[in-house]
């Protein structure tokens, strides 16, 4: 089953599903159903916004469908929406391993990794959090290399660099590094400015640039 049209309709936003038009739904119904019942049920649950059941069904479809990047993509997205960022990053990593040119999979892998690094419940070491943020930045950069016209890739890479600057630019922490923190903030500013080159009217991005400059200039 070709799920590309499903993915493109479903995953244009970061945190919410995009509603399907009646025409898109009719086209979806015309497509041949997947032979795996768990995949069919998982896809239906996704369309209904029921991410917990979607993850359950799609997990059951493995390992039989473990080499299908479309099934893994849906599973990774379900895990992301359920807040299981570690599993989501791992699953999107499998999608990327199967298709290294999937910019959206790289994006969600990076987003999940970034969220994992900044999650308040994540009790891992500061060094591990730093490494997670660097991995996220690298994955955003790979996505940008594939699709350089998607502004959300730049915006989220800016967020990851800002988070890195905060992490390593806090005096008294074991990994404090003023020079690296300065570079991280400067990189964040560059990416925010790139977002403005797509749409100069974005007031929130203008505010983020000002905040990043304040953080950078106040480094001890």
N, C-alpha and C. Protein backbone atom coordinates (compact mmCIF):
# COMPACT_ATOMS: atom_id res chain seq x y z
N UNK A 1 0.84 -1.20 0.00
CA UNK A 1 0.00 0.00 0.00
C UNK A 1 0.87 1.25 0.00
N UNK A 2 0.55 2.21 -0.84
CA UNK A 2 1.30 3.46 -0.90
C UNK A 2 0.68 4.45 0.07
N UNK A 3 1.42 4.80 1.14
CA UNK A 3 0.88 5.69 2.17
C UNK A 3 1.44 7.10 2.04
N UNK A 4 2.09 7.43 0.92
CA UNK A 4 2.71 8.73 0.80
C UNK A 4 1.69 9.86 0.89
N UNK A 5 0.55 9.69 0.20
CA UNK A 5 -0.46 10.74 0.25
C UNK A 5 -1.00 10.90 1.65
N UNK A 6 -1.09 9.77 2.37
CA UNK A 6 -1.54 9.81 3.77
C UNK A 6 -0.57 10.60 4.62
N UNK A 7 0.74 10.34 4.46
CA UNK A 7 1.75 11.01 5.26
C UNK A 7 1.77 12.51 4.98
N UNK A 8 1.72 12.87 3.70
CA UNK A 8 1.83 14.27 3.36
C UNK A 8 0.64 15.05 3.88
N UNK A 9 -0.54 14.41 3.91
CA UNK A 9 -1.72 15.09 4.43
C UNK A 9 -1.71 15.16 5.93
N UNK A 10 -1.09 14.15 6.56
CA UNK A 10 -1.21 14.01 8.01
C UNK A 10 -0.16 14.77 8.78
N UNK A 11 1.04 14.90 8.21
CA UNK A 11 2.16 15.37 9.02
C UNK A 11 2.71 16.73 8.63
N UNK A 12 1.87 17.62 8.10
CA UNK A 12 2.38 18.94 7.74
C UNK A 12 2.57 19.81 8.97
N UNK A 13 1.90 19.54 10.06
CA UNK A 13 2.08 20.28 11.30
C UNK A 13 3.00 19.54 12.23
N UNK A 14 3.36 20.15 13.35
CA UNK A 14 4.26 19.53 14.31
C UNK A 14 3.49 18.83 15.40
N UNK A 15 2.49 19.45 15.96
CA UNK A 15 1.85 18.93 17.14
C UNK A 15 0.41 18.48 16.91
N UNK A 16 -0.13 18.69 15.71
CA UNK A 16 -1.53 18.35 15.49
C UNK A 16 -1.72 17.75 14.12
N UNK A 17 -2.74 16.95 13.95
CA UNK A 17 -3.09 16.39 12.65
C UNK A 17 -3.76 17.45 11.80
N UNK A 18 -3.48 17.42 10.51
CA UNK A 18 -4.18 18.30 9.58
C UNK A 18 -5.43 17.58 9.11
N UNK A 19 -6.56 18.26 9.18
CA UNK A 19 -7.83 17.64 8.81
C UNK A 19 -7.82 17.32 7.32
N UNK A 20 -8.32 16.15 6.99
CA UNK A 20 -8.42 15.76 5.59
C UNK A 20 -9.64 16.40 4.95
N UNK A 21 -9.51 16.80 3.71
CA UNK A 21 -10.68 17.28 2.97
C UNK A 21 -11.49 16.07 2.55
N UNK A 22 -12.75 16.32 2.19
CA UNK A 22 -13.62 15.22 1.77
C UNK A 22 -13.05 14.52 0.54
N UNK A 23 -12.45 15.31 -0.36
CA UNK A 23 -11.87 14.73 -1.56
C UNK A 23 -10.70 13.83 -1.23
N UNK A 24 -9.84 14.26 -0.30
CA UNK A 24 -8.68 13.45 0.09
C UNK A 24 -9.14 12.15 0.73
N UNK A 25 -10.19 12.21 1.54
CA UNK A 25 -10.72 11.01 2.18
C UNK A 25 -11.25 10.03 1.14
N UNK A 26 -11.91 10.58 0.11
CA UNK A 26 -12.44 9.70 -0.94
C UNK A 26 -11.30 9.01 -1.68
N UNK A 27 -10.23 9.77 -1.92
CA UNK A 27 -9.09 9.17 -2.61
C UNK A 27 -8.44 8.10 -1.74
N UNK A 28 -8.38 8.36 -0.43
CA UNK A 28 -7.79 7.40 0.49
C UNK A 28 -8.58 6.09 0.47
N UNK A 29 -9.91 6.21 0.42
CA UNK A 29 -10.75 5.02 0.44
C UNK A 29 -10.59 4.19 -0.82
N UNK A 30 -10.21 4.85 -1.90
CA UNK A 30 -10.05 4.14 -3.17
C UNK A 30 -8.77 3.31 -3.20
N UNK A 31 -7.81 3.64 -2.33
CA UNK A 31 -6.56 2.90 -2.32
C UNK A 31 -6.77 1.50 -1.75
N UNK A 32 -5.98 0.57 -2.24
CA UNK A 32 -6.07 -0.80 -1.74
C UNK A 32 -5.69 -0.84 -0.28
N UNK A 33 -6.43 -1.61 0.52
CA UNK A 33 -6.14 -1.71 1.94
C UNK A 33 -4.87 -2.52 2.18
N UNK A 34 -4.18 -2.16 3.25
CA UNK A 34 -2.98 -2.89 3.63
C UNK A 34 -3.36 -4.30 4.02
N UNK A 35 -2.51 -5.25 3.70
CA UNK A 35 -2.81 -6.66 3.98
C UNK A 35 -2.76 -6.98 5.47
N UNK A 36 -2.05 -6.16 6.24
CA UNK A 36 -1.90 -6.41 7.68
C UNK A 36 -3.03 -5.70 8.44
N UNK A 37 -3.82 -6.47 9.14
CA UNK A 37 -4.98 -5.91 9.85
C UNK A 37 -4.55 -4.90 10.91
N UNK A 38 -3.43 -5.14 11.58
CA UNK A 38 -2.97 -4.21 12.60
C UNK A 38 -2.55 -2.87 11.99
N UNK A 39 -1.99 -2.90 10.80
CA UNK A 39 -1.65 -1.65 10.12
C UNK A 39 -2.92 -0.89 9.76
N UNK A 40 -3.93 -1.61 9.26
CA UNK A 40 -5.20 -0.97 8.91
C UNK A 40 -5.82 -0.32 10.14
N UNK A 41 -5.82 -1.04 11.26
CA UNK A 41 -6.41 -0.49 12.48
C UNK A 41 -5.59 0.68 13.02
N UNK A 42 -4.27 0.57 12.89
CA UNK A 42 -3.40 1.65 13.34
C UNK A 42 -3.60 2.90 12.52
N UNK A 43 -3.73 2.73 11.21
CA UNK A 43 -3.96 3.87 10.33
C UNK A 43 -5.30 4.54 10.66
N UNK A 44 -6.32 3.74 10.89
CA UNK A 44 -7.63 4.29 11.23
C UNK A 44 -7.56 5.07 12.55
N UNK A 45 -6.85 4.50 13.54
CA UNK A 45 -6.72 5.18 14.82
C UNK A 45 -6.00 6.52 14.66
N UNK A 46 -5.00 6.56 13.79
CA UNK A 46 -4.30 7.82 13.53
C UNK A 46 -5.24 8.86 12.94
N UNK A 47 -6.02 8.44 11.96
CA UNK A 47 -6.96 9.35 11.34
C UNK A 47 -7.98 9.87 12.35
N UNK A 48 -8.28 9.07 13.35
CA UNK A 48 -9.23 9.46 14.40
C UNK A 48 -8.56 10.26 15.52
N UNK A 49 -7.24 10.41 15.44
CA UNK A 49 -6.51 11.12 16.49
C UNK A 49 -6.33 10.30 17.75
N UNK A 50 -6.51 9.00 17.65
CA UNK A 50 -6.36 8.10 18.80
C UNK A 50 -4.95 7.51 18.77
N UNK A 51 -4.00 8.27 19.28
CA UNK A 51 -2.60 7.90 19.13
C UNK A 51 -2.19 6.70 19.99
N UNK A 52 -2.84 6.54 21.13
CA UNK A 52 -2.50 5.40 21.99
C UNK A 52 -2.84 4.08 21.30
N UNK A 53 -4.04 3.99 20.76
CA UNK A 53 -4.40 2.77 20.05
C UNK A 53 -3.62 2.63 18.75
N UNK A 54 -3.32 3.76 18.11
CA UNK A 54 -2.52 3.69 16.89
C UNK A 54 -1.16 3.08 17.19
N UNK A 55 -0.53 3.53 18.25
CA UNK A 55 0.77 2.96 18.63
C UNK A 55 0.64 1.48 18.96
N UNK A 56 -0.42 1.12 19.66
CA UNK A 56 -0.62 -0.28 20.04
C UNK A 56 -0.76 -1.18 18.82
N UNK A 57 -1.62 -0.79 17.90
CA UNK A 57 -1.83 -1.60 16.69
C UNK A 57 -0.57 -1.67 15.83
N UNK A 58 0.08 -0.53 15.64
CA UNK A 58 1.25 -0.50 14.77
C UNK A 58 2.42 -1.26 15.38
N UNK A 59 2.52 -1.26 16.70
CA UNK A 59 3.55 -2.05 17.38
C UNK A 59 3.29 -3.54 17.15
N UNK A 60 2.02 -3.91 17.18
CA UNK A 60 1.67 -5.32 16.94
C UNK A 60 2.00 -5.74 15.50
N UNK A 61 2.03 -4.77 14.60
CA UNK A 61 2.34 -5.08 13.19
C UNK A 61 3.81 -5.43 13.00
N UNK A 62 4.63 -5.12 14.01
CA UNK A 62 6.05 -5.46 13.96
C UNK A 62 6.27 -6.83 14.58
N UNK A 63 7.28 -7.59 14.21
CA UNK A 63 8.33 -7.25 13.22
C UNK A 63 7.95 -7.53 11.77
N UNK A 64 6.74 -8.03 11.54
CA UNK A 64 6.35 -8.37 10.18
C UNK A 64 6.51 -7.19 9.22
N UNK A 65 6.16 -6.00 9.69
CA UNK A 65 6.24 -4.80 8.85
C UNK A 65 7.44 -3.93 9.21
N UNK A 66 8.42 -4.51 9.86
CA UNK A 66 9.57 -3.75 10.36
C UNK A 66 10.44 -3.14 9.28
N UNK A 67 10.27 -3.54 8.04
CA UNK A 67 11.07 -2.97 6.95
C UNK A 67 10.23 -2.03 6.09
N UNK A 68 9.03 -1.75 6.52
CA UNK A 68 8.15 -0.85 5.77
C UNK A 68 8.29 0.56 6.36
N UNK A 69 8.95 1.49 5.66
CA UNK A 69 9.17 2.82 6.22
C UNK A 69 7.89 3.59 6.50
N UNK A 70 6.83 3.32 5.73
CA UNK A 70 5.56 4.01 5.94
C UNK A 70 4.91 3.59 7.25
N UNK A 71 4.95 2.30 7.55
CA UNK A 71 4.40 1.79 8.81
C UNK A 71 5.22 2.33 9.98
N UNK A 72 6.54 2.31 9.85
CA UNK A 72 7.40 2.82 10.91
C UNK A 72 7.19 4.32 11.12
N UNK A 73 6.96 5.04 10.03
CA UNK A 73 6.71 6.48 10.13
C UNK A 73 5.46 6.74 10.96
N UNK A 74 4.39 6.00 10.67
CA UNK A 74 3.16 6.17 11.43
C UNK A 74 3.36 5.81 12.89
N UNK A 75 4.14 4.77 13.16
CA UNK A 75 4.41 4.37 14.53
C UNK A 75 5.21 5.45 15.26
N UNK A 76 6.24 5.96 14.60
CA UNK A 76 7.06 7.01 15.21
C UNK A 76 6.26 8.25 15.52
N UNK A 77 5.34 8.59 14.62
CA UNK A 77 4.50 9.77 14.85
C UNK A 77 3.55 9.54 16.01
N UNK A 78 3.00 8.35 16.11
CA UNK A 78 2.11 8.01 17.23
C UNK A 78 2.87 8.11 18.55
N UNK A 79 4.08 7.57 18.58
CA UNK A 79 4.89 7.63 19.79
C UNK A 79 5.22 9.07 20.14
N UNK A 80 5.48 9.89 19.13
CA UNK A 80 5.77 11.30 19.37
C UNK A 80 4.57 11.98 20.02
N UNK A 81 3.40 11.74 19.48
CA UNK A 81 2.19 12.37 20.01
C UNK A 81 1.86 11.86 21.41
N UNK A 82 2.29 10.66 21.72
CA UNK A 82 2.06 10.10 23.05
C UNK A 82 3.12 10.54 24.06
N UNK A 83 4.09 11.32 23.60
CA UNK A 83 5.11 11.85 24.50
C UNK A 83 6.24 10.88 24.81
N UNK A 84 6.31 9.77 24.07
CA UNK A 84 7.41 8.82 24.27
C UNK A 84 8.51 9.16 23.27
N UNK A 85 9.27 10.19 23.60
CA UNK A 85 10.22 10.74 22.64
C UNK A 85 11.41 9.82 22.39
N UNK A 86 11.79 9.05 23.37
CA UNK A 86 12.90 8.12 23.17
C UNK A 86 12.55 7.07 22.11
N UNK A 87 11.38 6.44 22.28
CA UNK A 87 10.93 5.44 21.31
C UNK A 87 10.71 6.08 19.94
N UNK A 88 10.13 7.29 19.93
CA UNK A 88 9.85 7.97 18.68
C UNK A 88 11.14 8.25 17.91
N UNK A 89 12.16 8.74 18.60
CA UNK A 89 13.44 9.02 17.94
C UNK A 89 14.05 7.74 17.38
N UNK A 90 13.94 6.66 18.13
CA UNK A 90 14.46 5.37 17.67
C UNK A 90 13.72 4.89 16.43
N UNK A 91 12.39 5.04 16.44
CA UNK A 91 11.59 4.56 15.31
C UNK A 91 11.85 5.40 14.07
N UNK A 92 11.91 6.71 14.22
CA UNK A 92 12.22 7.56 13.07
C UNK A 92 13.65 7.31 12.58
N UNK A 93 14.53 6.90 13.49
CA UNK A 93 15.88 6.51 13.07
C UNK A 93 15.85 5.32 12.13
N UNK A 94 14.92 4.40 12.39
CA UNK A 94 14.76 3.24 11.50
C UNK A 94 14.22 3.65 10.13
N UNK A 95 13.32 4.64 10.14
CA UNK A 95 12.81 5.16 8.86
C UNK A 95 13.95 5.76 8.06
N UNK A 96 14.78 6.56 8.72
CA UNK A 96 15.92 7.20 8.05
C UNK A 96 16.91 6.16 7.54
N UNK A 97 17.09 5.09 8.30
CA UNK A 97 18.00 4.02 7.86
C UNK A 97 17.50 3.37 6.57
N UNK A 98 16.18 3.31 6.44
CA UNK A 98 15.58 2.72 5.23
C UNK A 98 15.51 3.72 4.08
N UNK A 99 15.38 4.99 4.44
CA UNK A 99 15.28 6.04 3.42
C UNK A 99 15.94 7.31 3.95
N UNK A 100 17.21 7.46 3.65
CA UNK A 100 17.98 8.59 4.15
C UNK A 100 17.58 9.93 3.58
N UNK A 101 16.71 9.95 2.59
CA UNK A 101 16.27 11.20 1.96
C UNK A 101 14.91 11.65 2.48
N UNK A 102 14.41 11.00 3.51
CA UNK A 102 13.12 11.37 4.07
C UNK A 102 13.33 12.53 5.05
N UNK A 103 13.18 13.75 4.55
CA UNK A 103 13.45 14.93 5.37
C UNK A 103 12.50 15.04 6.54
N UNK A 104 11.24 14.64 6.36
CA UNK A 104 10.27 14.73 7.44
C UNK A 104 10.59 13.74 8.56
N UNK A 105 11.10 12.57 8.21
CA UNK A 105 11.51 11.61 9.23
C UNK A 105 12.69 12.15 10.03
N UNK A 106 13.64 12.78 9.34
CA UNK A 106 14.77 13.41 10.02
C UNK A 106 14.28 14.52 10.95
N UNK A 107 13.30 15.27 10.47
CA UNK A 107 12.75 16.36 11.27
C UNK A 107 12.13 15.84 12.56
N UNK A 108 11.29 14.81 12.45
CA UNK A 108 10.64 14.29 13.65
C UNK A 108 11.62 13.56 14.56
N UNK A 109 12.62 12.92 13.98
CA UNK A 109 13.68 12.30 14.80
C UNK A 109 14.38 13.39 15.62
N UNK A 110 14.71 14.50 14.96
CA UNK A 110 15.37 15.61 15.64
C UNK A 110 14.45 16.23 16.70
N UNK A 111 13.19 16.41 16.35
CA UNK A 111 12.24 17.02 17.27
C UNK A 111 12.07 16.15 18.52
N UNK A 112 11.95 14.85 18.32
CA UNK A 112 11.81 13.94 19.46
C UNK A 112 13.06 13.95 20.32
N UNK A 113 14.23 13.98 19.68
CA UNK A 113 15.50 14.00 20.41
C UNK A 113 15.64 15.29 21.22
N UNK A 114 15.28 16.41 20.59
CA UNK A 114 15.33 17.71 21.29
C UNK A 114 14.39 17.70 22.50
N UNK A 115 13.18 17.20 22.31
CA UNK A 115 12.22 17.13 23.41
C UNK A 115 12.72 16.24 24.54
N UNK A 116 13.36 15.14 24.16
CA UNK A 116 13.91 14.22 25.16
C UNK A 116 14.99 14.92 25.99
N UNK A 117 15.83 15.71 25.33
CA UNK A 117 16.93 16.39 26.02
C UNK A 117 16.43 17.43 27.01
N UNK A 118 15.29 18.05 26.72
CA UNK A 118 14.80 19.14 27.57
C UNK A 118 13.63 18.71 28.45
N UNK A 119 13.25 17.45 28.37
CA UNK A 119 12.14 16.94 29.16
C UNK A 119 12.49 16.98 30.65
N UNK A 120 11.62 17.58 31.44
CA UNK A 120 11.91 17.76 32.87
C UNK A 120 12.04 16.43 33.61
N UNK A 121 11.39 15.41 33.09
CA UNK A 121 11.44 14.09 33.74
C UNK A 121 12.67 13.29 33.35
N UNK A 122 13.44 13.80 32.40
CA UNK A 122 14.65 13.10 31.95
C UNK A 122 15.78 13.38 32.94
N UNK A 123 16.15 12.37 33.70
CA UNK A 123 17.16 12.52 34.76
C UNK A 123 18.57 12.16 34.28
N UNK A 124 18.76 12.08 32.99
CA UNK A 124 20.08 11.74 32.46
C UNK A 124 21.07 12.87 32.75
N UNK A 125 22.34 12.60 32.56
CA UNK A 125 23.38 13.58 32.87
C UNK A 125 23.33 14.77 31.91
N UNK A 126 23.94 15.86 32.34
CA UNK A 126 24.01 17.05 31.50
C UNK A 126 24.80 16.74 30.23
N UNK A 127 25.82 15.93 30.35
CA UNK A 127 26.62 15.55 29.18
C UNK A 127 25.78 14.81 28.15
N UNK A 128 24.92 13.91 28.63
CA UNK A 128 24.04 13.18 27.72
C UNK A 128 23.03 14.11 27.05
N UNK A 129 22.52 15.07 27.81
CA UNK A 129 21.58 16.03 27.25
C UNK A 129 22.27 16.87 26.17
N UNK A 130 23.50 17.25 26.43
CA UNK A 130 24.27 18.01 25.43
C UNK A 130 24.43 17.20 24.15
N UNK A 131 24.74 15.92 24.30
CA UNK A 131 24.91 15.07 23.13
C UNK A 131 23.60 14.91 22.36
N UNK A 132 22.49 14.78 23.07
CA UNK A 132 21.18 14.67 22.42
C UNK A 132 20.87 15.91 21.60
N UNK A 133 21.16 17.07 22.14
CA UNK A 133 20.90 18.31 21.42
C UNK A 133 21.78 18.43 20.18
N UNK A 134 23.01 17.98 20.29
CA UNK A 134 23.91 18.02 19.13
C UNK A 134 23.43 17.07 18.03
N UNK A 135 22.89 15.92 18.43
CA UNK A 135 22.33 14.97 17.46
C UNK A 135 21.11 15.60 16.79
N UNK A 136 20.27 16.27 17.57
CA UNK A 136 19.09 16.92 17.01
C UNK A 136 19.49 17.97 15.98
N UNK A 137 20.48 18.78 16.32
CA UNK A 137 20.95 19.82 15.41
C UNK A 137 21.48 19.20 14.11
N UNK A 138 22.21 18.11 14.25
CA UNK A 138 22.75 17.42 13.07
C UNK A 138 21.62 16.89 12.18
N UNK A 139 20.58 16.33 12.80
CA UNK A 139 19.47 15.80 12.00
C UNK A 139 18.69 16.91 11.33
N UNK A 140 18.49 18.04 12.01
CA UNK A 140 17.84 19.18 11.36
C UNK A 140 18.65 19.64 10.17
N UNK A 141 19.98 19.65 10.32
CA UNK A 141 20.85 20.08 9.23
C UNK A 141 20.73 19.14 8.04
N UNK A 142 20.60 17.86 8.29
CA UNK A 142 20.42 16.89 7.20
C UNK A 142 19.08 17.12 6.50
N UNK A 143 18.05 17.41 7.28
CA UNK A 143 16.73 17.67 6.69
C UNK A 143 16.78 18.93 5.83
N UNK A 144 17.50 19.96 6.31
CA UNK A 144 17.63 21.21 5.55
C UNK A 144 18.38 20.97 4.25
N UNK A 145 19.40 20.12 4.29
CA UNK A 145 20.16 19.82 3.07
C UNK A 145 19.27 19.18 2.01
N UNK A 146 18.28 18.41 2.47
CA UNK A 146 17.37 17.74 1.53
C UNK A 146 16.28 18.70 1.06
N UNK A 147 15.72 19.47 1.99
CA UNK A 147 14.63 20.40 1.67
C UNK A 147 14.95 21.77 2.26
N UNK A 148 15.74 22.57 1.55
CA UNK A 148 16.21 23.85 2.10
C UNK A 148 15.15 24.95 2.12
N UNK A 149 13.94 24.67 1.66
CA UNK A 149 12.91 25.71 1.59
C UNK A 149 11.85 25.55 2.68
N UNK A 150 12.05 24.63 3.60
CA UNK A 150 11.07 24.42 4.67
C UNK A 150 11.49 25.21 5.90
N UNK A 151 10.75 26.27 6.19
CA UNK A 151 11.15 27.18 7.27
C UNK A 151 11.11 26.53 8.64
N UNK A 152 10.25 25.52 8.83
CA UNK A 152 10.16 24.92 10.17
C UNK A 152 11.42 24.15 10.52
N UNK A 153 12.17 23.69 9.52
CA UNK A 153 13.44 23.03 9.80
C UNK A 153 14.43 24.01 10.44
N UNK A 154 14.49 25.21 9.87
CA UNK A 154 15.38 26.24 10.41
C UNK A 154 14.91 26.70 11.80
N UNK A 155 13.61 26.87 11.94
CA UNK A 155 13.07 27.34 13.22
C UNK A 155 13.37 26.35 14.34
N UNK A 156 13.20 25.08 14.06
CA UNK A 156 13.44 24.08 15.10
C UNK A 156 14.92 23.83 15.34
N UNK A 157 15.75 24.02 14.31
CA UNK A 157 17.19 23.94 14.56
C UNK A 157 17.63 25.11 15.43
N UNK A 158 17.00 26.26 15.23
CA UNK A 158 17.28 27.41 16.08
C UNK A 158 16.92 27.12 17.53
N UNK A 159 15.79 26.47 17.74
CA UNK A 159 15.37 26.10 19.10
C UNK A 159 16.38 25.16 19.74
N UNK A 160 16.84 24.18 18.96
CA UNK A 160 17.81 23.22 19.49
C UNK A 160 19.12 23.93 19.86
N UNK A 161 19.56 24.87 19.03
CA UNK A 161 20.77 25.62 19.34
C UNK A 161 20.57 26.50 20.56
N UNK A 162 19.39 27.11 20.67
CA UNK A 162 19.09 27.91 21.86
C UNK A 162 19.13 27.05 23.11
N UNK A 163 18.51 25.86 23.03
CA UNK A 163 18.50 24.95 24.17
C UNK A 163 19.92 24.52 24.54
N UNK A 164 20.75 24.32 23.52
CA UNK A 164 22.14 23.95 23.76
C UNK A 164 22.87 25.11 24.45
N UNK A 165 22.61 26.33 23.97
CA UNK A 165 23.23 27.49 24.59
C UNK A 165 22.87 27.63 26.05
N UNK A 166 21.59 27.39 26.36
CA UNK A 166 21.14 27.46 27.75
C UNK A 166 21.82 26.38 28.59
N UNK A 167 21.92 25.17 28.03
CA UNK A 167 22.47 24.04 28.76
C UNK A 167 23.94 24.24 29.11
N UNK A 168 24.73 24.66 28.13
CA UNK A 168 26.17 24.76 28.36
C UNK A 168 26.61 26.18 28.74
N UNK A 169 25.66 27.11 28.76
CA UNK A 169 25.99 28.49 29.09
C UNK A 169 25.55 28.90 30.48
N UNK A 170 25.15 27.93 31.27
CA UNK A 170 24.73 28.21 32.64
C UNK A 170 25.92 28.05 33.57
N UNK A 171 26.37 29.15 34.14
CA UNK A 171 27.55 29.11 35.01
C UNK A 171 27.32 28.18 36.19
N UNK A 172 28.36 27.41 36.51
CA UNK A 172 28.29 26.49 37.63
C UNK A 172 27.93 25.07 37.26
N UNK A 173 27.50 24.86 36.00
CA UNK A 173 27.18 23.51 35.56
C UNK A 173 28.46 22.81 35.12
N UNK A 174 28.49 21.47 35.19
CA UNK A 174 29.73 20.73 34.89
C UNK A 174 30.25 20.92 33.48
N UNK A 175 29.36 21.21 32.53
CA UNK A 175 29.80 21.33 31.13
C UNK A 175 29.77 22.78 30.65
N UNK A 176 29.87 23.72 31.57
CA UNK A 176 29.82 25.15 31.19
C UNK A 176 30.92 25.48 30.20
N UNK A 177 30.52 26.14 29.10
CA UNK A 177 31.48 26.53 28.08
C UNK A 177 30.97 27.79 27.40
N UNK A 178 31.51 28.92 27.80
CA UNK A 178 31.01 30.21 27.29
C UNK A 178 31.17 30.33 25.78
N UNK A 179 32.31 29.91 25.26
CA UNK A 179 32.57 30.04 23.83
C UNK A 179 31.58 29.21 23.01
N UNK A 180 31.35 27.96 23.43
CA UNK A 180 30.42 27.10 22.71
C UNK A 180 28.98 27.61 22.85
N UNK A 181 28.65 28.12 24.02
CA UNK A 181 27.31 28.66 24.23
C UNK A 181 27.09 29.88 23.33
N UNK A 182 28.13 30.71 23.21
CA UNK A 182 28.03 31.88 22.33
C UNK A 182 27.78 31.45 20.89
N UNK A 183 28.52 30.44 20.44
CA UNK A 183 28.33 29.91 19.08
C UNK A 183 26.92 29.37 18.90
N UNK A 184 26.41 28.67 19.92
CA UNK A 184 25.07 28.09 19.83
C UNK A 184 24.02 29.19 19.68
N UNK A 185 24.13 30.24 20.47
CA UNK A 185 23.19 31.35 20.36
C UNK A 185 23.31 32.06 19.01
N UNK A 186 24.54 32.24 18.54
CA UNK A 186 24.73 32.87 17.23
C UNK A 186 24.10 32.03 16.12
N UNK A 187 24.25 30.71 16.21
CA UNK A 187 23.64 29.82 15.22
C UNK A 187 22.12 29.89 15.29
N UNK A 188 21.60 29.99 16.50
CA UNK A 188 20.15 30.11 16.67
C UNK A 188 19.65 31.40 16.01
N UNK A 189 20.37 32.49 16.23
CA UNK A 189 19.98 33.78 15.65
C UNK A 189 19.99 33.71 14.12
N UNK A 190 21.01 33.07 13.55
CA UNK A 190 21.10 32.94 12.10
C UNK A 190 19.90 32.18 11.55
N UNK A 191 19.51 31.10 12.24
CA UNK A 191 18.37 30.32 11.77
C UNK A 191 17.06 31.07 11.93
N UNK A 192 16.91 31.79 13.03
CA UNK A 192 15.71 32.61 13.20
C UNK A 192 15.62 33.67 12.09
N UNK A 193 16.76 34.25 11.74
CA UNK A 193 16.79 35.25 10.67
C UNK A 193 16.44 34.61 9.33
N UNK A 194 16.84 33.35 9.16
CA UNK A 194 16.48 32.63 7.94
C UNK A 194 14.96 32.43 7.87
N UNK A 195 14.35 32.13 9.01
CA UNK A 195 12.89 31.99 9.05
C UNK A 195 12.22 33.30 8.63
N UNK A 196 12.76 34.42 9.10
CA UNK A 196 12.20 35.73 8.73
C UNK A 196 12.38 36.03 7.25
N UNK A 197 13.39 35.42 6.63
CA UNK A 197 13.56 35.62 5.19
C UNK A 197 12.43 34.98 4.40
N UNK A 198 11.78 33.99 4.99
CA UNK A 198 10.60 33.38 4.37
C UNK A 198 9.34 34.19 4.67
N UNK A 199 9.27 34.75 5.87
CA UNK A 199 8.10 35.52 6.28
C UNK A 199 8.54 36.55 7.33
N UNK A 200 8.77 37.77 6.86
CA UNK A 200 9.31 38.82 7.74
C UNK A 200 8.30 39.32 8.77
N UNK A 201 7.04 38.91 8.66
CA UNK A 201 5.99 39.41 9.55
C UNK A 201 5.86 38.60 10.84
N UNK A 202 6.66 37.55 10.99
CA UNK A 202 6.51 36.67 12.16
C UNK A 202 7.04 37.35 13.42
N UNK A 203 6.11 37.89 14.20
CA UNK A 203 6.49 38.62 15.42
C UNK A 203 7.13 37.70 16.46
N UNK A 204 6.67 36.44 16.52
CA UNK A 204 7.23 35.53 17.51
C UNK A 204 8.70 35.25 17.24
N UNK A 205 9.07 35.17 15.97
CA UNK A 205 10.47 34.92 15.61
C UNK A 205 11.32 36.16 15.91
N UNK A 206 10.78 37.33 15.66
CA UNK A 206 11.49 38.56 16.00
C UNK A 206 11.77 38.61 17.49
N UNK A 207 10.80 38.18 18.28
CA UNK A 207 10.97 38.14 19.74
C UNK A 207 12.04 37.14 20.13
N UNK A 208 12.05 35.97 19.48
CA UNK A 208 13.04 34.94 19.81
C UNK A 208 14.46 35.42 19.50
N UNK A 209 14.61 36.18 18.44
CA UNK A 209 15.94 36.72 18.10
C UNK A 209 16.41 37.66 19.22
N UNK A 210 15.53 38.52 19.68
CA UNK A 210 15.88 39.44 20.76
C UNK A 210 16.26 38.67 22.02
N UNK A 211 15.50 37.63 22.35
CA UNK A 211 15.78 36.83 23.54
C UNK A 211 17.13 36.13 23.42
N UNK A 212 17.41 35.56 22.24
CA UNK A 212 18.68 34.84 22.04
C UNK A 212 19.86 35.80 22.18
N UNK A 213 19.70 37.01 21.72
CA UNK A 213 20.78 37.99 21.85
C UNK A 213 21.00 38.38 23.31
N UNK A 214 19.91 38.49 24.06
CA UNK A 214 20.03 38.80 25.48
C UNK A 214 20.74 37.66 26.20
N UNK A 215 20.32 36.42 25.91
CA UNK A 215 20.97 35.25 26.55
C UNK A 215 22.47 35.26 26.24
N UNK A 216 22.80 35.48 24.96
CA UNK A 216 24.21 35.47 24.54
C UNK A 216 25.01 36.57 25.23
N UNK A 217 24.45 37.77 25.23
CA UNK A 217 25.18 38.92 25.78
C UNK A 217 25.31 38.88 27.30
N UNK A 218 24.48 38.07 27.94
CA UNK A 218 24.53 37.97 29.41
C UNK A 218 25.31 36.76 29.91
N UNK A 219 25.99 36.08 29.00
CA UNK A 219 26.81 34.95 29.41
C UNK A 219 27.91 35.43 30.35
N UNK A 220 28.13 34.68 31.40
CA UNK A 220 29.13 35.08 32.41
C UNK A 220 30.53 34.66 31.98
